[in-house]
């Protein structure tokens, strides 16, 4: 029986900010891989030969593609409308659907549907594709009790990062574990004076300058530069971002020149003041890429592991700008 899978990035796989959602899009990486990429990898792990990804979310419920596949003889279709990160065992969903002789199976958690459906060909053709979220009565319910994060905003994205750093979900940081819950990619360049307090993640090709303090639950994605004396406290720096010297960034996400303060719920442009900028990184390390290639010019992390914060003097920039 041929099985197809369609994954839809409901909010769009772009780097542009979305109205009402702050900086959040499905293209935001968590330790080097986007949420969309992580879903696609899990689908491909099922051994499904027919996999399609709608990066733009132009077909919100996938009706056109699902109908086309059904008409072409695909017997069963796994549809994932991306609105969450959920550690659902997709193979178990398929087993449940098959053993129950279901025509439509939809995955729920305690808060409601998760946008994951398994559809047989016959009801798709019979109902002209209208077997989607507005037709719950014809669906069998698969209840999931594991980890779910409904990714509706930058706040929920940051929660996913923190949950991953603290081991509350299955996402594993890529890189060397150089201390308790501290992961550093081998191509990152870190000055010996840098203070690091775990849990935290520093991605490939990133350059951390002297006197920087990286406090708990902070993450820095690939090809970033954090300048002298800046403090990151429960903050995320998105790929290819330069953060200027002497800043104190707390409970925020920075993407290029834009900073979203998650405590106040506001977004500001740091570019005009020269406090942040977009920097270009290697093309092969684009955020959407599932494989991050090392920078051959960097030295090995083992040769420059920073001292822990308990072994250092607490560094404070005399001209620090508090962005709390």
Foldseek 3Di string as FASTA:
>chain_A
DAEAEEEEQQQALDQDDDPPFGRDGQLFDQQQAGLSRVVVVLVVVVVHPHYYYHRGNPPVFCQVVLLVVLVVPRFKYKYARDQKRDPDNVVVVVVVCVVVVAQKEFEAEPVGTRRIMMHGSVVCVVVVSPPTDVPCVRYHYDYDHADMQRNRHVVSVLVVNLCQLVVVDDDDRPADDPDDLDGEHFQEAEAQQEAEAENEYEEALEYEDHQEYEYYSEYEYHNEYEDHNEYEASEYETPQKYADHQEYHYCWYHYAQWIQRPVVRDIDGNVVVPGMGGHDDDPCSRSNHPDHDHDVVGHTCVVRPYDYPVVHDNGHDPPHDYPD
